[in-house]
Amino acid sequence: MISNLCEFMEDESPVDGIVCIKCGEEKPISHFSQMKYKSNKSDSEIKRTCKECRKKTAKIIKKLRKENPDVPSRSEECPSCGYTLEYLGRYGQTVFKNWRLHHDHKTEKFLGYVCHRCNEGFGAFNDDYKLMEKALKWHKEQIKKCMN
């Protein structure tokens, strides 16, 4: 059984390094964090963002939180989807306990507080509204086909 995936991959992996999805640099696996699971499974993953980029992002978010301390209440609606954290968290999911600070990764400017679902969705599209519009157009077309 492998107790530490990072040690295994450093010793036996044919891969020289991992490319960080933020900075685009190839770095040794030791520059990345191992994801830990509560299920105690031996399966693990390596985060695709290097520790340096993660620290930089954490610093930016901390600064933006300090500059924008007015976090909405749990009963306020997400400005993106319209759901409240109370509604989204009705089954006890911990990801819906707090609002997510959403910011522009290029300009490092505060965009607002949104729910976890919206923040993850924006991130999945690299905050590219043109990509989101393209996906929405395709989705609408598929829904229309199903209705006919």
Protein backbone atom coordinates (compact mmCIF):
# COMPACT_ATOMS: atom_id res chain seq x y z
CA MET A 1 0.00 0.00 0.00
CA ILE A 2 1.31 3.45 -0.89
CA SER A 3 1.22 5.77 2.08
CA ASN A 4 2.35 8.89 0.27
CA LEU A 5 1.66 9.32 -3.42
CA CYS A 6 4.15 12.19 -3.69
CA GLU A 7 7.02 10.01 -2.44
CA PHE A 8 6.01 7.22 -4.82
CA MET A 9 5.79 9.51 -7.82
CA GLU A 10 9.10 11.25 -7.08
CA ASP A 11 10.88 7.91 -6.84
CA GLU A 12 9.21 5.90 -9.58
CA SER A 13 7.28 8.15 -11.93
CA PRO A 14 8.49 8.44 -15.51
CA VAL A 15 7.14 12.00 -15.53
CA ASP A 16 9.78 14.70 -15.03
CA GLY A 17 7.32 17.19 -13.60
CA ILE A 18 3.81 18.55 -13.64
CA VAL A 19 2.65 21.63 -15.51
CA CYS A 20 0.86 24.08 -13.20
CA ILE A 21 -2.54 25.11 -14.59
CA LYS A 22 -2.04 28.68 -13.31
CA CYS A 23 1.52 29.65 -14.25
CA GLY A 24 2.04 27.07 -17.01
CA GLU A 25 5.47 26.09 -15.67
CA GLU A 26 6.61 22.49 -15.42
CA LYS A 27 7.78 21.83 -11.88
CA PRO A 28 8.82 18.81 -9.81
CA ILE A 29 5.95 17.00 -8.12
CA SER A 30 7.23 18.19 -4.73
CA HIS A 31 6.01 21.67 -5.72
CA PHE A 32 2.40 20.43 -5.69
CA SER A 33 0.09 19.43 -2.84
CA GLN A 34 -1.44 16.02 -2.44
CA MET A 35 -5.23 15.99 -2.06
CA LYS A 36 -6.33 14.19 1.06
CA TYR A 37 -9.60 12.33 1.31
CA LYS A 38 -11.65 11.70 4.44
CA SER A 39 -12.51 8.19 3.26
CA ASN A 40 -9.00 6.91 4.11
CA LYS A 41 -8.66 5.43 0.64
CA SER A 42 -5.15 4.91 -0.64
CA ASP A 43 -6.15 6.59 -3.91
CA SER A 44 -5.05 10.19 -4.05
CA GLU A 45 -4.60 13.02 -6.48
CA ILE A 46 -2.10 15.81 -6.88
CA LYS A 47 -3.48 19.34 -7.08
CA ARG A 48 -2.78 20.81 -10.52
CA THR A 49 -1.88 24.26 -9.17
CA CYS A 50 1.61 24.58 -7.72
CA LYS A 51 2.13 25.62 -4.10
CA GLU A 52 3.62 28.97 -5.16
CA CYS A 53 0.55 29.89 -7.24
CA ARG A 54 -1.80 28.71 -4.50
CA LYS A 55 0.01 30.91 -1.95
CA LYS A 56 -0.19 33.89 -4.32
CA THR A 57 -3.93 33.36 -4.83
CA ALA A 58 -4.51 32.98 -1.09
CA LYS A 59 -2.67 36.27 -0.49
CA ILE A 60 -4.78 38.06 -3.14
CA ILE A 61 -8.02 36.67 -1.67
CA LYS A 62 -6.99 37.69 1.85
CA LYS A 63 -6.30 41.25 0.61
CA LEU A 64 -9.60 41.41 -1.28
CA ARG A 65 -11.55 40.09 1.73
CA LYS A 66 -10.03 42.82 3.87
CA GLU A 67 -10.97 45.46 1.26
CA ASN A 68 -14.50 43.99 0.82
CA PRO A 69 -15.61 42.85 4.27
CA ASP A 70 -19.37 43.07 3.63
CA VAL A 71 -20.13 39.40 3.04
CA PRO A 72 -23.83 38.74 2.32
CA SER A 73 -25.93 36.90 4.87
CA ARG A 74 -26.79 33.26 4.25
CA SER A 75 -30.37 34.30 3.47
CA GLU A 76 -29.35 36.69 0.67
CA GLU A 77 -29.52 35.50 -2.92
CA CYS A 78 -26.42 34.73 -4.96
CA PRO A 79 -26.17 37.57 -7.51
CA SER A 80 -25.42 35.00 -10.20
CA CYS A 81 -27.94 32.16 -9.75
CA GLY A 82 -30.42 33.63 -7.27
CA TYR A 83 -30.21 30.83 -4.70
CA THR A 84 -29.47 31.49 -1.04
CA LEU A 85 -26.83 29.59 0.93
CA GLU A 86 -29.63 28.46 3.24
CA TYR A 87 -31.37 26.80 0.29
CA LEU A 88 -28.22 25.38 -1.32
CA GLY A 89 -26.98 24.00 1.99
CA ARG A 90 -30.28 22.39 2.99
CA TYR A 91 -28.70 18.91 2.95
CA GLY A 92 -25.77 19.93 5.14
CA GLN A 93 -23.05 20.25 2.50
CA THR A 94 -20.17 22.18 4.02
CA VAL A 95 -19.28 23.89 0.72
CA PHE A 96 -22.44 25.99 1.07
CA LYS A 97 -21.68 27.35 4.53
CA ASN A 98 -19.85 30.42 3.20
CA TRP A 99 -19.90 32.76 0.25
CA ARG A 100 -16.97 32.57 -2.18
CA LEU A 101 -15.01 35.68 -3.02
CA HIS A 102 -15.01 35.90 -6.81
CA HIS A 103 -12.26 37.89 -8.46
CA ASP A 104 -10.72 38.50 -11.86
CA HIS A 105 -7.58 36.39 -12.01
CA LYS A 106 -5.91 38.69 -14.56
CA THR A 107 -6.58 42.07 -12.94
CA GLU A 108 -6.86 40.71 -9.39
CA LYS A 109 -9.97 42.87 -8.87
CA PHE A 110 -12.93 41.94 -6.68
CA LEU A 111 -16.05 40.93 -8.62
CA GLY A 112 -18.37 40.02 -5.77
CA TYR A 113 -19.44 37.23 -3.46
CA VAL A 114 -21.13 34.25 -5.09
CA CYS A 115 -22.15 30.74 -4.05
CA HIS A 116 -19.78 27.80 -4.36
CA ARG A 117 -21.64 26.39 -7.38
CA CYS A 118 -21.35 29.60 -9.39
CA ASN A 119 -17.73 30.16 -8.41
CA GLU A 120 -16.84 26.60 -9.50
CA GLY A 121 -18.81 27.06 -12.72
CA PHE A 122 -17.04 30.30 -13.60
CA GLY A 123 -13.72 28.63 -12.85
CA ALA A 124 -14.56 25.67 -15.08
CA PHE A 125 -14.85 28.15 -17.96
CA ASN A 126 -11.71 30.07 -16.90
CA ASP A 127 -13.98 33.07 -16.21
CA ASP A 128 -14.35 33.45 -20.00
CA TYR A 129 -17.84 34.80 -20.67
CA LYS A 130 -17.56 34.02 -24.39
CA LEU A 131 -16.98 30.37 -23.59
CA MET A 132 -19.92 30.44 -21.16
CA GLU A 133 -22.15 32.01 -23.84
CA LYS A 134 -21.08 29.37 -26.36
CA ALA A 135 -21.88 26.59 -23.87
CA LEU A 136 -25.23 28.19 -23.02
CA LYS A 137 -26.14 28.49 -26.72
CA TRP A 138 -25.31 24.80 -27.28
CA HIS A 139 -27.27 23.78 -24.18
CA LYS A 140 -30.34 25.76 -25.25
CA GLU A 141 -30.22 24.12 -28.68
CA GLN A 142 -30.06 20.66 -27.14
CA ILE A 143 -32.98 21.38 -24.80
CA LYS A 144 -35.06 22.64 -27.76
CA LYS A 145 -34.30 19.42 -29.68
CA CYS A 146 -35.52 17.36 -26.71
CA MET A 147 -38.79 19.31 -26.55
CA ASN A 148 -39.64 18.67 -30.22
